[in-house]
Amino acid sequence: MPAVWQVQQAKNHFSELIERAVSEGPQTITRHGRPVVRVVAVDATTDEAQSTGKSPRVDDGFVEFLLTAPRVEGGLPEMPRDISTRPPLFGDE
């Protein structure tokens, strides 16, 4: 069986899916031809976290964006809590 499984295939061969995730690496499950789930052995995620020093769930692109985003001089303006006294936002006059 391949590393890509249809949902019904994954249901019918769940034990094999798990064994292949452990022995061959991540297994992808598709629904209507689109990838929706990846089965990954616990050891694989632990090894990745130890080798990179961070969680495998961290999205490097988003972290990089936050670290390089321009800073707002003086911080963000204080906005009144009372909606009747605040300036209009986004054309909600």
C-alpha atoms as a PDB file:
ATOM      1  CA  MET A   1       0.000   0.000   0.000  1.00  0.00           C
ATOM      2  CA  PRO A   2       1.190   3.546  -0.686  1.00  0.00           C
ATOM      3  CA  ALA A   3       2.007   6.349   1.748  1.00  0.00           C
ATOM      4  CA  VAL A   4      -1.233   8.017   0.591  1.00  0.00           C
ATOM      5  CA  TRP A   5      -4.499   6.375   1.621  1.00  0.00           C
ATOM      6  CA  GLN A   6      -8.143   7.098   0.861  1.00  0.00           C
ATOM      7  CA  VAL A   7     -10.354   7.331   3.965  1.00  0.00           C
ATOM      8  CA  GLN A   8     -12.110   4.009   3.306  1.00  0.00           C
ATOM      9  CA  GLN A   9      -8.770   2.304   2.652  1.00  0.00           C
ATOM     10  CA  ALA A  10      -7.393   3.708   5.918  1.00  0.00           C
ATOM     11  CA  LYS A  11     -10.443   2.447   7.844  1.00  0.00           C
ATOM     12  CA  ASN A  12     -10.214  -1.037   6.347  1.00  0.00           C
ATOM     13  CA  HIS A  13      -6.452  -1.362   6.902  1.00  0.00           C
ATOM     14  CA  PHE A  14      -5.958   0.733  10.036  1.00  0.00           C
ATOM     15  CA  SER A  15      -3.471  -1.656  11.687  1.00  0.00           C
ATOM     16  CA  GLU A  16      -1.382  -1.733   8.513  1.00  0.00           C
ATOM     17  CA  LEU A  17      -1.555   2.067   8.283  1.00  0.00           C
ATOM     18  CA  ILE A  18      -0.122   2.344  11.800  1.00  0.00           C
ATOM     19  CA  GLU A  19       2.621  -0.204  11.105  1.00  0.00           C
ATOM     20  CA  ARG A  20       3.644   1.639   7.942  1.00  0.00           C
ATOM     21  CA  ALA A  21       3.698   4.978   9.774  1.00  0.00           C
ATOM     22  CA  VAL A  22       6.112   3.446  12.287  1.00  0.00           C
ATOM     23  CA  SER A  23       8.302   1.595   9.779  1.00  0.00           C
ATOM     24  CA  GLU A  24       8.154   3.790   6.636  1.00  0.00           C
ATOM     25  CA  GLY A  25       7.309   7.269   7.877  1.00  0.00           C
ATOM     26  CA  PRO A  26       4.296   9.605   7.673  1.00  0.00           C
ATOM     27  CA  GLN A  27       1.149   8.297   5.965  1.00  0.00           C
ATOM     28  CA  THR A  28      -1.316  10.737   4.388  1.00  0.00           C
ATOM     29  CA  ILE A  29      -5.083  10.158   4.320  1.00  0.00           C
ATOM     30  CA  THR A  30      -7.121  11.854   1.604  1.00  0.00           C
ATOM     31  CA  ARG A  31     -10.805  12.716   1.324  1.00  0.00           C
ATOM     32  CA  HIS A  32     -12.161  13.333  -2.175  1.00  0.00           C
ATOM     33  CA  GLY A  33      -8.593  13.387  -3.462  1.00  0.00           C
ATOM     34  CA  ARG A  34      -7.388  16.074  -1.049  1.00  0.00           C
ATOM     35  CA  PRO A  35      -4.966  15.412   1.831  1.00  0.00           C
ATOM     36  CA  VAL A  36      -6.752  15.885   5.173  1.00  0.00           C
ATOM     37  CA  VAL A  37      -4.771  13.923   7.789  1.00  0.00           C
ATOM     38  CA  ARG A  38      -1.215  12.712   8.258  1.00  0.00           C
ATOM     39  CA  VAL A  39      -0.467   9.773  10.548  1.00  0.00           C
ATOM     40  CA  VAL A  40       3.000  10.126  12.081  1.00  0.00           C
ATOM     41  CA  ALA A  41       4.699   7.793  14.539  1.00  0.00           C
ATOM     42  CA  VAL A  42       5.242   9.269  17.999  1.00  0.00           C
ATOM     43  CA  ASP A  43       8.978   8.561  17.781  1.00  0.00           C
ATOM     44  CA  ALA A  44       9.208  10.581  14.558  1.00  0.00           C
ATOM     45  CA  THR A  45       7.802  13.727  16.175  1.00  0.00           C
ATOM     46  CA  THR A  46       9.999  13.291  19.250  1.00  0.00           C
ATOM     47  CA  ASP A  47      13.119  12.833  17.094  1.00  0.00           C
ATOM     48  CA  GLU A  48      12.281  15.927  15.031  1.00  0.00           C
ATOM     49  CA  ALA A  49      11.695  18.056  18.123  1.00  0.00           C
ATOM     50  CA  GLN A  50      14.994  16.935  19.655  1.00  0.00           C
ATOM     51  CA  SER A  51      17.040  17.518  16.492  1.00  0.00           C
ATOM     52  CA  THR A  52      15.626  20.986  15.760  1.00  0.00           C
ATOM     53  CA  GLY A  53      15.160  22.081  19.353  1.00  0.00           C
ATOM     54  CA  LYS A  54      11.555  23.125  18.727  1.00  0.00           C
ATOM     55  CA  SER A  55       8.121  21.651  18.350  1.00  0.00           C
ATOM     56  CA  PRO A  56       7.357  20.247  14.884  1.00  0.00           C
ATOM     57  CA  ARG A  57       4.050  22.167  14.948  1.00  0.00           C
ATOM     58  CA  VAL A  58       5.729  25.586  14.845  1.00  0.00           C
ATOM     59  CA  ASP A  59       5.050  27.391  11.578  1.00  0.00           C
ATOM     60  CA  ASP A  60       8.407  28.990  10.781  1.00  0.00           C
ATOM     61  CA  GLY A  61       6.849  31.373   8.262  1.00  0.00           C
ATOM     62  CA  PHE A  62       4.507  32.874  10.849  1.00  0.00           C
ATOM     63  CA  VAL A  63       7.240  33.098  13.489  1.00  0.00           C
ATOM     64  CA  GLU A  64       9.527  34.805  10.965  1.00  0.00           C
ATOM     65  CA  PHE A  65       6.723  37.244  10.088  1.00  0.00           C
ATOM     66  CA  LEU A  66       6.210  38.175  13.746  1.00  0.00           C
ATOM     67  CA  LEU A  67       9.937  38.648  14.314  1.00  0.00           C
ATOM     68  CA  THR A  68      10.433  40.842  11.236  1.00  0.00           C
ATOM     69  CA  ALA A  69       7.151  42.799  11.239  1.00  0.00           C
ATOM     70  CA  PRO A  70       7.627  46.579  11.409  1.00  0.00           C
ATOM     71  CA  ARG A  71       7.168  48.112  14.837  1.00  0.00           C
ATOM     72  CA  VAL A  72       4.537  50.785  15.435  1.00  0.00           C
ATOM     73  CA  GLU A  73       6.227  53.915  16.806  1.00  0.00           C
ATOM     74  CA  GLY A  74       4.690  54.895  20.128  1.00  0.00           C
ATOM     75  CA  GLY A  75       2.562  51.765  20.243  1.00  0.00           C
ATOM     76  CA  LEU A  76      -1.026  51.386  19.186  1.00  0.00           C
ATOM     77  CA  PRO A  77      -3.457  54.221  19.950  1.00  0.00           C
ATOM     78  CA  GLU A  78      -5.794  53.911  22.907  1.00  0.00           C
ATOM     79  CA  MET A  79      -9.350  53.449  21.730  1.00  0.00           C
ATOM     80  CA  PRO A  80     -12.264  54.545  23.914  1.00  0.00           C
ATOM     81  CA  ARG A  81     -14.461  51.735  25.145  1.00  0.00           C
ATOM     82  CA  ASP A  82     -17.623  53.716  24.513  1.00  0.00           C
ATOM     83  CA  ILE A  83     -18.459  53.216  20.839  1.00  0.00           C
ATOM     84  CA  SER A  84     -20.173  56.622  20.606  1.00  0.00           C
ATOM     85  CA  THR A  85     -16.929  58.493  21.455  1.00  0.00           C
ATOM     86  CA  ARG A  86     -14.466  56.605  19.286  1.00  0.00           C
ATOM     87  CA  PRO A  87     -13.470  57.645  15.765  1.00  0.00           C
ATOM     88  CA  PRO A  88     -15.076  55.650  12.929  1.00  0.00           C
ATOM     89  CA  LEU A  89     -13.185  52.562  11.814  1.00  0.00           C
ATOM     90  CA  PHE A  90     -13.235  50.983   8.366  1.00  0.00           C
ATOM     91  CA  GLY A  91     -16.105  53.132   7.113  1.00  0.00           C
ATOM     92  CA  ASP A  92     -18.553  52.315   9.922  1.00  0.00           C
ATOM     93  CA  GLU A  93     -19.562  55.973  10.326  1.00  0.00           C
END
